[in-house]
Amino acid sequence: MPRLSEERREERRRHILTSAWSCFSRNGFHATSMDDVIAATGMSSSAVYRYFRSKDDLIDAAAAEALVLVRDLFERLLERRPTPSPSEVLTAMTVEARDRGEGQSYDLTRIAIQAWGEALRSPELEARTRAFYLAMRDSLAELARRWHDEGIIPPQADPEQIATVLMTLMPGLLVGRHLVTPVAAEHLIGGLGSLASALDGSPTS
C-alpha cells in the first residue's frame, strides 16, 4: 500500500478531530465513547487509533483547540491598527462568544466549558490551561498599556487590573450563551460603565 502524503495524513487527522468535536459538542466528553467517534469518522477503528491512542488524547486535543479560539481573538485585536477601543474589544468578545460554531457541526465554545472541568481532574491539562490564561492575560495587559499610552484610559488606571477583568469576562460570556442567555454587547458595556461609576463614587444621574 502506498504511503500517505503528509498533507493527506493531516487531512485524516483533522477529520478525526472534527468528528470527535461534533460528538463532544453534542454529548459531552464522558458520554462519548471511542466507538461513537469512530462511527462518526466513517473510518476503521485501526485507522483512527493510528492517529489517536485513546479518548483522552482526543479530549486533550479538543481542549487545546478550544483555548486556541480564545487566543486567536485577542491576537487579532492586538494586531489591529489603530488600537481598538475598549468598547470595540468588548463587542468583539460578545460576538465571538455568541457566533462561534454557527453553521458548523461542532461548537468549540461548548467544548471550552467542558475543558475547564476536565482541567480540574487532569494535572497536566490544568498546568497547560493555567499557563495559557496567564499568557493571555499578558497579551491583554499589552492592549491596556496601549490604551494608557494613547490616553484612552485614565493615567492612574492599572493595565494589569484591566487585563484581569477582560480575561475574567470571557468565561462568563460563554456560560451566558449556553446556560443562561447570550449577552448583548450594549448590556455588557452599559453594565460595566454603571459599575465603574458606582465604584469610583461618581453620581449616577
C-alpha atoms as a PDB file:
ATOM      1  CA  MET A   1       0.000   0.000   0.000  1.00  0.00           C
ATOM      2  CA  PRO A   2       1.471   3.409  -0.920  1.00  0.00           C
ATOM      3  CA  ARG A   3       2.372   5.655   1.994  1.00  0.00           C
ATOM      4  CA  LEU A   4       0.117   8.618   2.674  1.00  0.00           C
ATOM      5  CA  SER A   5       1.494  12.051   1.977  1.00  0.00           C
ATOM      6  CA  GLU A   6       1.952  14.385   4.940  1.00  0.00           C
ATOM      7  CA  GLU A   7      -0.887  16.528   3.628  1.00  0.00           C
ATOM      8  CA  ARG A   8      -3.221  13.546   3.420  1.00  0.00           C
ATOM      9  CA  ARG A   9      -2.250  12.415   6.922  1.00  0.00           C
ATOM     10  CA  GLU A  10      -3.063  15.853   8.264  1.00  0.00           C
ATOM     11  CA  GLU A  11      -6.417  15.814   6.460  1.00  0.00           C
ATOM     12  CA  ARG A  12      -7.300  12.497   8.086  1.00  0.00           C
ATOM     13  CA  ARG A  13      -6.174  13.677  11.498  1.00  0.00           C
ATOM     14  CA  ARG A  14      -8.278  16.814  11.156  1.00  0.00           C
ATOM     15  CA  HIS A  15     -11.268  14.772  10.028  1.00  0.00           C
ATOM     16  CA  ILE A  16     -10.998  12.596  13.134  1.00  0.00           C
ATOM     17  CA  LEU A  17     -10.714  15.685  15.324  1.00  0.00           C
ATOM     18  CA  THR A  18     -13.737  17.444  13.852  1.00  0.00           C
ATOM     19  CA  SER A  19     -15.746  14.227  14.119  1.00  0.00           C
ATOM     20  CA  ALA A  20     -14.783  13.987  17.795  1.00  0.00           C
ATOM     21  CA  TRP A  21     -15.653  17.652  18.349  1.00  0.00           C
ATOM     22  CA  SER A  22     -19.117  17.049  16.910  1.00  0.00           C
ATOM     23  CA  CYS A  23     -19.626  14.172  19.343  1.00  0.00           C
ATOM     24  CA  PHE A  24     -18.236  16.139  22.297  1.00  0.00           C
ATOM     25  CA  SER A  25     -20.386  19.174  21.438  1.00  0.00           C
ATOM     26  CA  ARG A  26     -23.487  17.006  21.312  1.00  0.00           C
ATOM     27  CA  ASN A  27     -22.951  14.601  24.223  1.00  0.00           C
ATOM     28  CA  GLY A  28     -20.004  15.837  26.261  1.00  0.00           C
ATOM     29  CA  PHE A  29     -16.652  14.224  26.914  1.00  0.00           C
ATOM     30  CA  HIS A  30     -17.698  11.430  29.212  1.00  0.00           C
ATOM     31  CA  ALA A  31     -20.888  10.340  27.457  1.00  0.00           C
ATOM     32  CA  THR A  32     -18.949   9.991  24.200  1.00  0.00           C
ATOM     33  CA  SER A  33     -17.127   6.724  23.578  1.00  0.00           C
ATOM     34  CA  MET A  34     -14.348   5.965  21.150  1.00  0.00           C
ATOM     35  CA  ASP A  35     -16.855   3.819  19.253  1.00  0.00           C
ATOM     36  CA  ASP A  36     -19.032   6.933  18.845  1.00  0.00           C
ATOM     37  CA  VAL A  37     -16.093   8.873  17.432  1.00  0.00           C
ATOM     38  CA  ILE A  38     -15.051   6.031  15.126  1.00  0.00           C
ATOM     39  CA  ALA A  39     -18.607   5.735  13.799  1.00  0.00           C
ATOM     40  CA  ALA A  40     -18.716   9.499  13.193  1.00  0.00           C
ATOM     41  CA  THR A  41     -15.487   9.396  11.183  1.00  0.00           C
ATOM     42  CA  GLY A  42     -16.647   6.609   8.865  1.00  0.00           C
ATOM     43  CA  MET A  43     -13.142   5.162   9.183  1.00  0.00           C
ATOM     44  CA  SER A  44     -11.974   1.846  10.560  1.00  0.00           C
ATOM     45  CA  SER A  45     -11.033   1.621  14.229  1.00  0.00           C
ATOM     46  CA  SER A  46      -7.451   0.760  13.345  1.00  0.00           C
ATOM     47  CA  ALA A  47      -7.184   3.869  11.170  1.00  0.00           C
ATOM     48  CA  VAL A  48      -8.482   6.108  13.968  1.00  0.00           C
ATOM     49  CA  TYR A  49      -6.222   4.559  16.602  1.00  0.00           C
ATOM     50  CA  ARG A  50      -3.279   5.139  14.309  1.00  0.00           C
ATOM     51  CA  TYR A  51      -3.736   8.868  14.949  1.00  0.00           C
ATOM     52  CA  PHE A  52      -5.158   8.918  18.496  1.00  0.00           C
ATOM     53  CA  ARG A  53      -4.429   6.201  21.020  1.00  0.00           C
ATOM     54  CA  SER A  54      -7.346   6.944  23.323  1.00  0.00           C
ATOM     55  CA  LYS A  55     -10.292   9.201  24.028  1.00  0.00           C
ATOM     56  CA  ASP A  56      -8.092  11.125  26.462  1.00  0.00           C
ATOM     57  CA  ASP A  57      -5.853  12.049  23.543  1.00  0.00           C
ATOM     58  CA  LEU A  58      -8.881  13.391  21.705  1.00  0.00           C
ATOM     59  CA  ILE A  59     -10.047  15.312  24.787  1.00  0.00           C
ATOM     60  CA  ASP A  60      -6.610  16.901  25.161  1.00  0.00           C
ATOM     61  CA  ALA A  61      -6.637  17.928  21.501  1.00  0.00           C
ATOM     62  CA  ALA A  62     -10.178  19.317  21.818  1.00  0.00           C
ATOM     63  CA  ALA A  63      -9.257  21.315  24.917  1.00  0.00           C
ATOM     64  CA  ALA A  64      -6.183  22.738  23.179  1.00  0.00           C
ATOM     65  CA  GLU A  65      -8.241  23.796  20.155  1.00  0.00           C
ATOM     66  CA  ALA A  66     -10.863  25.430  22.383  1.00  0.00           C
ATOM     67  CA  LEU A  67      -8.145  27.505  24.051  1.00  0.00           C
ATOM     68  CA  VAL A  68      -6.759  28.496  20.674  1.00  0.00           C
ATOM     69  CA  LEU A  69     -10.046  30.114  19.642  1.00  0.00           C
ATOM     70  CA  VAL A  70      -9.816  32.462  22.641  1.00  0.00           C
ATOM     71  CA  ARG A  71      -6.153  33.232  21.954  1.00  0.00           C
ATOM     72  CA  ASP A  72      -6.808  33.940  18.284  1.00  0.00           C
ATOM     73  CA  LEU A  73      -9.489  36.503  19.115  1.00  0.00           C
ATOM     74  CA  PHE A  74      -7.169  38.589  21.257  1.00  0.00           C
ATOM     75  CA  GLU A  75      -4.226  38.197  18.875  1.00  0.00           C
ATOM     76  CA  ARG A  76      -6.376  39.627  16.097  1.00  0.00           C
ATOM     77  CA  LEU A  77      -7.315  42.553  18.323  1.00  0.00           C
ATOM     78  CA  LEU A  78      -3.678  43.203  19.199  1.00  0.00           C
ATOM     79  CA  GLU A  79      -2.714  43.236  15.531  1.00  0.00           C
ATOM     80  CA  ARG A  80      -5.283  45.878  14.623  1.00  0.00           C
ATOM     81  CA  ARG A  81      -4.209  49.450  13.941  1.00  0.00           C
ATOM     82  CA  PRO A  82      -5.356  51.814  15.200  1.00  0.00           C
ATOM     83  CA  THR A  83      -5.771  50.077  18.546  1.00  0.00           C
ATOM     84  CA  PRO A  84      -9.409  49.001  19.021  1.00  0.00           C
ATOM     85  CA  SER A  85     -11.194  50.866  21.781  1.00  0.00           C
ATOM     86  CA  PRO A  86     -12.405  49.165  24.974  1.00  0.00           C
ATOM     87  CA  SER A  87     -15.960  49.186  23.567  1.00  0.00           C
ATOM     88  CA  GLU A  88     -14.755  47.566  20.341  1.00  0.00           C
ATOM     89  CA  VAL A  89     -12.906  44.883  22.293  1.00  0.00           C
ATOM     90  CA  LEU A  90     -15.940  44.112  24.442  1.00  0.00           C
ATOM     91  CA  THR A  91     -18.128  43.971  21.336  1.00  0.00           C
ATOM     92  CA  ALA A  92     -15.682  41.578  19.641  1.00  0.00           C
ATOM     93  CA  MET A  93     -15.741  39.352  22.731  1.00  0.00           C
ATOM     94  CA  THR A  94     -19.533  39.165  22.819  1.00  0.00           C
ATOM     95  CA  VAL A  95     -19.743  38.458  19.081  1.00  0.00           C
ATOM     96  CA  GLU A  96     -17.118  35.695  19.385  1.00  0.00           C
ATOM     97  CA  ALA A  97     -18.967  34.093  22.292  1.00  0.00           C
ATOM     98  CA  ARG A  98     -22.313  34.363  20.516  1.00  0.00           C
ATOM     99  CA  ASP A  99     -21.453  33.353  16.957  1.00  0.00           C
ATOM    100  CA  ARG A 100     -18.626  30.818  17.241  1.00  0.00           C
ATOM    101  CA  GLY A 101     -19.826  27.476  15.881  1.00  0.00           C
ATOM    102  CA  GLU A 102     -22.739  28.852  13.872  1.00  0.00           C
ATOM    103  CA  GLY A 103     -23.262  26.734  10.765  1.00  0.00           C
ATOM    104  CA  GLN A 104     -20.858  24.011  11.899  1.00  0.00           C
ATOM    105  CA  SER A 105     -21.478  20.545  13.270  1.00  0.00           C
ATOM    106  CA  TYR A 106     -19.426  21.331  16.354  1.00  0.00           C
ATOM    107  CA  ASP A 107     -19.132  24.255  18.747  1.00  0.00           C
ATOM    108  CA  LEU A 108     -15.766  24.798  20.383  1.00  0.00           C
ATOM    109  CA  THR A 109     -17.276  27.185  22.935  1.00  0.00           C
ATOM    110  CA  ARG A 110     -19.219  24.244  24.384  1.00  0.00           C
ATOM    111  CA  ILE A 111     -16.004  22.235  24.421  1.00  0.00           C
ATOM    112  CA  ALA A 112     -14.189  25.109  26.160  1.00  0.00           C
ATOM    113  CA  ILE A 113     -16.652  24.933  29.067  1.00  0.00           C
ATOM    114  CA  GLN A 114     -16.163  21.179  29.331  1.00  0.00           C
ATOM    115  CA  ALA A 115     -12.396  21.617  29.145  1.00  0.00           C
ATOM    116  CA  TRP A 116     -12.392  23.806  32.260  1.00  0.00           C
ATOM    117  CA  GLY A 117     -13.964  20.970  34.218  1.00  0.00           C
ATOM    118  CA  GLU A 118     -11.592  18.466  32.678  1.00  0.00           C
ATOM    119  CA  ALA A 119      -8.629  20.594  33.770  1.00  0.00           C
ATOM    120  CA  LEU A 120      -9.710  20.137  37.395  1.00  0.00           C
ATOM    121  CA  ARG A 121      -9.168  16.380  37.185  1.00  0.00           C
ATOM    122  CA  SER A 122      -6.101  16.345  34.922  1.00  0.00           C
ATOM    123  CA  PRO A 123      -2.965  17.942  36.437  1.00  0.00           C
ATOM    124  CA  GLU A 124      -1.295  18.105  33.035  1.00  0.00           C
ATOM    125  CA  LEU A 125      -4.256  19.838  31.400  1.00  0.00           C
ATOM    126  CA  GLU A 126      -4.611  22.107  34.431  1.00  0.00           C
ATOM    127  CA  ALA A 127      -0.987  23.239  34.085  1.00  0.00           C
ATOM    128  CA  ARG A 128      -1.378  23.885  30.354  1.00  0.00           C
ATOM    129  CA  THR A 129      -4.630  25.769  30.882  1.00  0.00           C
ATOM    130  CA  ARG A 130      -3.162  27.939  33.630  1.00  0.00           C
ATOM    131  CA  ALA A 131      -0.103  28.763  31.502  1.00  0.00           C
ATOM    132  CA  PHE A 132      -2.369  29.622  28.590  1.00  0.00           C
ATOM    133  CA  TYR A 133      -4.542  32.039  30.582  1.00  0.00           C
ATOM    134  CA  LEU A 134      -1.535  33.698  32.212  1.00  0.00           C
ATOM    135  CA  ALA A 135      -0.056  34.287  28.754  1.00  0.00           C
ATOM    136  CA  MET A 136      -3.403  35.610  27.534  1.00  0.00           C
ATOM    137  CA  ARG A 137      -3.537  37.999  30.489  1.00  0.00           C
ATOM    138  CA  ASP A 138      -0.102  39.314  29.485  1.00  0.00           C
ATOM    139  CA  SER A 139      -1.402  39.987  25.973  1.00  0.00           C
ATOM    140  CA  LEU A 140      -4.432  41.807  27.346  1.00  0.00           C
ATOM    141  CA  ALA A 141      -2.170  43.882  29.591  1.00  0.00           C
ATOM    142  CA  GLU A 142      -0.279  44.936  26.479  1.00  0.00           C
ATOM    143  CA  LEU A 143      -3.569  46.040  24.923  1.00  0.00           C
ATOM    144  CA  ALA A 144      -4.400  48.012  28.075  1.00  0.00           C
ATOM    145  CA  ARG A 145      -0.934  49.630  28.046  1.00  0.00           C
ATOM    146  CA  ARG A 146      -1.671  50.892  24.541  1.00  0.00           C
ATOM    147  CA  TRP A 147      -4.897  52.406  25.813  1.00  0.00           C
ATOM    148  CA  HIS A 148      -2.889  54.024  28.601  1.00  0.00           C
ATOM    149  CA  ASP A 149      -0.272  55.432  26.208  1.00  0.00           C
ATOM    150  CA  GLU A 150      -2.953  56.714  23.831  1.00  0.00           C
ATOM    151  CA  GLY A 151      -4.911  58.424  26.605  1.00  0.00           C
ATOM    152  CA  ILE A 152      -7.940  56.169  26.184  1.00  0.00           C
ATOM    153  CA  ILE A 153      -7.966  55.183  29.861  1.00  0.00           C
ATOM    154  CA  PRO A 154      -7.143  57.435  32.845  1.00  0.00           C
ATOM    155  CA  PRO A 155      -3.456  57.888  33.733  1.00  0.00           C
ATOM    156  CA  GLN A 156      -3.950  56.169  37.075  1.00  0.00           C
ATOM    157  CA  ALA A 157      -5.524  53.049  35.501  1.00  0.00           C
ATOM    158  CA  ASP A 158      -3.584  49.824  36.034  1.00  0.00           C
ATOM    159  CA  PRO A 159      -3.206  47.793  32.796  1.00  0.00           C
ATOM    160  CA  GLU A 160      -2.767  44.568  34.789  1.00  0.00           C
ATOM    161  CA  GLN A 161      -6.079  45.096  36.561  1.00  0.00           C
ATOM    162  CA  ILE A 162      -7.835  45.830  33.269  1.00  0.00           C
ATOM    163  CA  ALA A 163      -6.321  42.673  31.771  1.00  0.00           C
ATOM    164  CA  THR A 164      -7.654  40.644  34.699  1.00  0.00           C
ATOM    165  CA  VAL A 165     -11.170  41.997  34.145  1.00  0.00           C
ATOM    166  CA  LEU A 166     -11.120  41.251  30.411  1.00  0.00           C
ATOM    167  CA  MET A 167      -9.744  37.738  30.936  1.00  0.00           C
ATOM    168  CA  THR A 168     -12.412  37.022  33.552  1.00  0.00           C
ATOM    169  CA  LEU A 169     -15.241  38.197  31.310  1.00  0.00           C
ATOM    170  CA  MET A 170     -14.699  35.661  28.517  1.00  0.00           C
ATOM    171  CA  PRO A 171     -15.693  32.534  30.503  1.00  0.00           C
ATOM    172  CA  GLY A 172     -18.786  34.369  31.744  1.00  0.00           C
ATOM    173  CA  LEU A 173     -19.802  35.197  28.180  1.00  0.00           C
ATOM    174  CA  LEU A 174     -19.563  31.523  27.209  1.00  0.00           C
ATOM    175  CA  VAL A 175     -21.564  30.418  30.241  1.00  0.00           C
ATOM    176  CA  GLY A 176     -24.163  33.075  29.446  1.00  0.00           C
ATOM    177  CA  ARG A 177     -24.520  31.806  25.893  1.00  0.00           C
ATOM    178  CA  HIS A 178     -25.006  28.172  26.790  1.00  0.00           C
ATOM    179  CA  LEU A 179     -26.549  28.162  30.259  1.00  0.00           C
ATOM    180  CA  VAL A 180     -28.422  31.467  30.649  1.00  0.00           C
ATOM    181  CA  THR A 181     -28.878  33.736  27.648  1.00  0.00           C
ATOM    182  CA  PRO A 182     -26.401  35.298  25.200  1.00  0.00           C
ATOM    183  CA  VAL A 183     -25.016  38.585  26.497  1.00  0.00           C
ATOM    184  CA  ALA A 184     -25.531  41.623  24.271  1.00  0.00           C
ATOM    185  CA  ALA A 185     -22.551  43.934  23.823  1.00  0.00           C
ATOM    186  CA  GLU A 186     -24.539  47.009  24.811  1.00  0.00           C
ATOM    187  CA  HIS A 187     -25.639  45.342  28.062  1.00  0.00           C
ATOM    188  CA  LEU A 188     -22.090  44.364  28.922  1.00  0.00           C
ATOM    189  CA  ILE A 189     -20.685  47.803  28.096  1.00  0.00           C
ATOM    190  CA  GLY A 190     -23.517  49.608  29.884  1.00  0.00           C
ATOM    191  CA  GLY A 191     -23.249  47.399  32.943  1.00  0.00           C
ATOM    192  CA  LEU A 192     -19.502  47.850  33.240  1.00  0.00           C
ATOM    193  CA  GLY A 193     -19.882  51.610  32.842  1.00  0.00           C
ATOM    194  CA  SER A 194     -22.519  51.766  35.563  1.00  0.00           C
ATOM    195  CA  LEU A 195     -20.451  49.601  37.855  1.00  0.00           C
ATOM    196  CA  ALA A 196     -17.365  51.761  37.251  1.00  0.00           C
ATOM    197  CA  SER A 197     -19.364  54.865  38.216  1.00  0.00           C
ATOM    198  CA  ALA A 198     -20.533  53.196  41.412  1.00  0.00           C
ATOM    199  CA  LEU A 199     -17.031  52.047  42.315  1.00  0.00           C
ATOM    200  CA  ASP A 200     -15.402  55.457  41.849  1.00  0.00           C
ATOM    201  CA  GLY A 201     -18.207  57.291  43.586  1.00  0.00           C
ATOM    202  CA  SER A 202     -19.430  59.176  40.528  1.00  0.00           C
ATOM    203  CA  PRO A 203     -23.115  60.228  40.620  1.00  0.00           C
ATOM    204  CA  THR A 204     -25.496  58.016  38.671  1.00  0.00           C
ATOM    205  CA  SER A 205     -27.608  60.901  37.347  1.00  0.00           C
END
